[in-house]
N, C-alpha and C. Protein backbone atom coordinates (compact mmCIF):
# COMPACT_ATOMS: atom_id res chain seq x y z
N MET A 1 18.52 33.59 118.05
CA MET A 1 19.13 34.88 117.83
C MET A 1 20.34 35.02 118.76
N LYS A 2 21.29 35.84 118.31
CA LYS A 2 22.46 36.17 119.11
C LYS A 2 22.52 37.69 119.24
N TYR A 3 23.07 38.15 120.36
CA TYR A 3 23.10 39.59 120.65
C TYR A 3 24.51 40.01 121.04
N PHE A 4 24.93 41.15 120.51
CA PHE A 4 26.26 41.68 120.77
C PHE A 4 26.15 43.17 121.03
N LYS A 5 27.20 43.74 121.67
CA LYS A 5 27.23 45.18 121.90
C LYS A 5 28.67 45.66 121.91
N ILE A 6 28.83 46.96 121.66
CA ILE A 6 30.13 47.61 121.72
C ILE A 6 29.89 49.08 122.03
N SER A 7 30.87 49.72 122.65
CA SER A 7 30.69 51.15 122.97
C SER A 7 31.81 51.97 122.37
N GLN A 8 31.51 53.24 122.17
CA GLN A 8 32.51 54.22 121.76
C GLN A 8 32.09 55.57 122.31
N VAL A 9 33.07 56.42 122.53
CA VAL A 9 32.82 57.74 123.11
C VAL A 9 32.28 58.68 122.03
N VAL A 10 31.22 59.41 122.39
CA VAL A 10 30.68 60.47 121.55
C VAL A 10 30.93 61.78 122.30
N PRO A 11 31.80 62.63 121.78
CA PRO A 11 32.12 63.88 122.49
C PRO A 11 30.88 64.69 122.85
N GLY A 12 30.82 65.12 124.09
CA GLY A 12 29.72 65.93 124.57
C GLY A 12 28.48 65.16 124.95
N LYS A 13 28.47 63.84 124.72
CA LYS A 13 27.29 63.03 125.04
C LYS A 13 27.59 61.88 125.99
N GLY A 14 28.74 61.25 125.84
CA GLY A 14 29.07 60.10 126.68
C GLY A 14 29.38 58.88 125.83
N ASN A 15 29.20 57.70 126.40
CA ASN A 15 29.44 56.46 125.67
C ASN A 15 28.20 56.04 124.90
N ALA A 16 28.38 55.81 123.61
CA ALA A 16 27.30 55.29 122.77
C ALA A 16 27.46 53.78 122.68
N TRP A 17 26.42 53.07 123.06
CA TRP A 17 26.41 51.62 122.98
C TRP A 17 25.64 51.21 121.74
N THR A 18 26.28 50.42 120.88
CA THR A 18 25.61 49.89 119.70
C THR A 18 25.34 48.42 119.95
N TYR A 19 24.08 48.04 119.76
CA TYR A 19 23.63 46.67 119.98
C TYR A 19 23.23 46.05 118.64
N TYR A 20 23.61 44.78 118.46
CA TYR A 20 23.29 44.06 117.23
C TYR A 20 22.46 42.83 117.57
N GLU A 21 21.40 42.61 116.82
CA GLU A 21 20.63 41.37 116.89
C GLU A 21 20.93 40.61 115.60
N THR A 22 21.45 39.37 115.74
CA THR A 22 21.80 38.58 114.56
C THR A 22 21.12 37.22 114.61
N ASP A 23 21.05 36.59 113.45
CA ASP A 23 20.61 35.20 113.44
C ASP A 23 21.83 34.33 113.74
N ASP A 24 21.67 33.02 113.67
CA ASP A 24 22.76 32.12 114.03
C ASP A 24 23.96 32.20 113.08
N SER A 25 23.74 32.68 111.86
CA SER A 25 24.84 32.82 110.91
C SER A 25 25.47 34.22 110.97
N LEU A 26 25.10 35.01 111.99
CA LEU A 26 25.61 36.36 112.23
C LEU A 26 25.16 37.37 111.18
N SER A 27 24.04 37.09 110.55
CA SER A 27 23.42 38.06 109.64
C SER A 27 22.61 39.04 110.51
N ILE A 28 22.88 40.33 110.38
CA ILE A 28 22.27 41.34 111.23
C ILE A 28 20.80 41.51 110.90
N GLN A 29 19.96 41.44 111.92
CA GLN A 29 18.52 41.62 111.77
C GLN A 29 18.10 43.04 112.16
N ARG A 30 18.61 43.52 113.30
CA ARG A 30 18.30 44.87 113.79
C ARG A 30 19.50 45.43 114.53
N ILE A 31 19.60 46.77 114.54
CA ILE A 31 20.66 47.47 115.27
C ILE A 31 20.01 48.60 116.05
N LEU A 32 20.55 48.88 117.22
CA LEU A 32 20.14 50.07 117.96
C LEU A 32 21.37 50.71 118.58
N THR A 33 21.30 52.02 118.74
CA THR A 33 22.36 52.76 119.42
C THR A 33 21.73 53.48 120.60
N HIS A 34 22.36 53.35 121.76
CA HIS A 34 21.82 53.93 123.00
C HIS A 34 22.93 54.70 123.71
N ILE A 35 22.63 55.95 124.06
CA ILE A 35 23.56 56.78 124.84
C ILE A 35 22.87 57.07 126.17
N PRO A 36 23.20 56.30 127.22
CA PRO A 36 22.49 56.44 128.49
C PRO A 36 22.63 57.80 129.16
N GLU A 37 23.78 58.45 128.99
CA GLU A 37 24.02 59.73 129.66
C GLU A 37 23.04 60.82 129.21
N VAL A 38 22.58 60.75 127.97
CA VAL A 38 21.64 61.76 127.45
C VAL A 38 20.28 61.13 127.11
N ASN A 39 20.10 59.85 127.49
CA ASN A 39 18.85 59.13 127.28
C ASN A 39 18.39 59.18 125.81
N GLU A 40 19.31 58.88 124.92
CA GLU A 40 19.05 58.91 123.48
C GLU A 40 19.16 57.50 122.91
N THR A 41 18.13 57.07 122.17
CA THR A 41 18.13 55.75 121.55
C THR A 41 17.69 55.89 120.10
N LYS A 42 18.45 55.29 119.18
CA LYS A 42 18.10 55.28 117.76
C LYS A 42 17.95 53.83 117.31
N LEU A 43 16.89 53.56 116.58
CA LEU A 43 16.58 52.21 116.11
C LEU A 43 16.83 52.10 114.62
N PHE A 44 17.34 50.94 114.21
CA PHE A 44 17.56 50.64 112.81
C PHE A 44 16.93 49.27 112.53
N ALA A 45 15.64 49.29 112.14
CA ALA A 45 14.90 48.05 111.92
C ALA A 45 15.33 47.33 110.65
N THR A 46 15.79 48.08 109.66
CA THR A 46 16.29 47.49 108.42
C THR A 46 17.68 48.08 108.14
N PRO A 47 18.69 47.59 108.86
CA PRO A 47 20.03 48.17 108.73
C PRO A 47 20.65 47.93 107.36
N LYS A 48 21.47 48.88 106.94
CA LYS A 48 22.19 48.74 105.67
C LYS A 48 23.30 47.71 105.78
N ILE A 49 23.88 47.60 106.97
CA ILE A 49 24.92 46.59 107.22
C ILE A 49 24.21 45.26 107.44
N LYS A 50 24.59 44.24 106.70
CA LYS A 50 23.89 42.95 106.77
C LYS A 50 24.67 41.85 107.48
N THR A 51 26.00 41.99 107.53
CA THR A 51 26.83 40.94 108.14
C THR A 51 27.66 41.54 109.27
N LEU A 52 27.70 40.85 110.38
CA LEU A 52 28.46 41.31 111.54
C LEU A 52 29.95 41.13 111.25
N PHE A 53 30.72 42.21 111.40
CA PHE A 53 32.16 42.21 111.13
C PHE A 53 32.92 42.05 112.43
N GLN A 54 33.84 41.13 112.48
CA GLN A 54 34.69 40.85 113.63
C GLN A 54 33.91 40.70 114.94
N PRO A 55 33.01 39.74 115.01
CA PRO A 55 32.22 39.55 116.24
C PRO A 55 33.07 39.26 117.47
N GLU A 56 34.28 38.75 117.27
CA GLU A 56 35.15 38.46 118.41
C GLU A 56 35.59 39.72 119.15
N ARG A 57 35.45 40.88 118.54
CA ARG A 57 35.81 42.16 119.17
C ARG A 57 34.64 42.76 119.96
N LEU A 58 33.47 42.14 119.85
CA LEU A 58 32.27 42.66 120.51
C LEU A 58 32.02 41.93 121.82
N MET A 59 31.27 42.59 122.71
CA MET A 59 30.84 41.95 123.95
C MET A 59 29.52 41.24 123.69
N LYS A 60 29.29 40.18 124.41
CA LYS A 60 28.01 39.49 124.31
C LYS A 60 26.95 40.28 125.06
N SER A 61 25.76 40.28 124.52
CA SER A 61 24.60 40.88 125.18
C SER A 61 23.55 39.79 125.28
N ASN A 62 22.32 40.17 125.58
CA ASN A 62 21.26 39.17 125.64
C ASN A 62 19.95 39.76 125.13
N GLU A 63 19.01 38.90 124.89
CA GLU A 63 17.72 39.32 124.32
C GLU A 63 16.99 40.31 125.22
N ASP A 64 16.99 40.08 126.52
CA ASP A 64 16.28 40.96 127.44
C ASP A 64 16.80 42.39 127.38
N GLU A 65 18.13 42.54 127.36
CA GLU A 65 18.73 43.86 127.30
C GLU A 65 18.39 44.55 125.98
N PHE A 66 18.50 43.81 124.87
CA PHE A 66 18.20 44.37 123.56
C PHE A 66 16.73 44.80 123.46
N ILE A 67 15.82 43.92 123.84
CA ILE A 67 14.38 44.21 123.73
C ILE A 67 13.98 45.38 124.63
N ALA A 68 14.53 45.47 125.83
CA ALA A 68 14.20 46.57 126.73
C ALA A 68 14.59 47.90 126.10
N LEU A 69 15.77 47.97 125.50
CA LEU A 69 16.20 49.21 124.85
C LEU A 69 15.42 49.47 123.56
N TRP A 70 15.11 48.42 122.82
CA TRP A 70 14.33 48.57 121.58
C TRP A 70 12.95 49.15 121.90
N ASN A 71 12.32 48.63 122.92
CA ASN A 71 10.99 49.13 123.31
C ASN A 71 11.06 50.56 123.83
N LYS A 72 12.18 50.93 124.42
CA LYS A 72 12.37 52.28 124.94
C LYS A 72 12.50 53.30 123.79
N GLY A 73 13.14 52.83 122.68
CA GLY A 73 13.38 53.71 121.54
C GLY A 73 12.14 53.96 120.76
C-alpha cells in the first residue's frame, strides 16, 4: 500500500488534511479527512473516487499515520 496526504484551509475550522490509502497502481482503497484544530475525523471506507489524481502534487504519508487516524475516527 501507498499513503498520501494533502491539506486545505476550512474557514472557521483550520487545516483539513485528506489522507489516501492506495494500492501499488494508485487505486484508492480508503480516504479520511482530519481537522486537528477541531478534532474532527471523517472516514470513507468505500470512496466514490477510485483513482488518485495528480499524486505528484501530494505529500507522502505512511501506514502508521493513516491507521492511527483511521482508528481515531
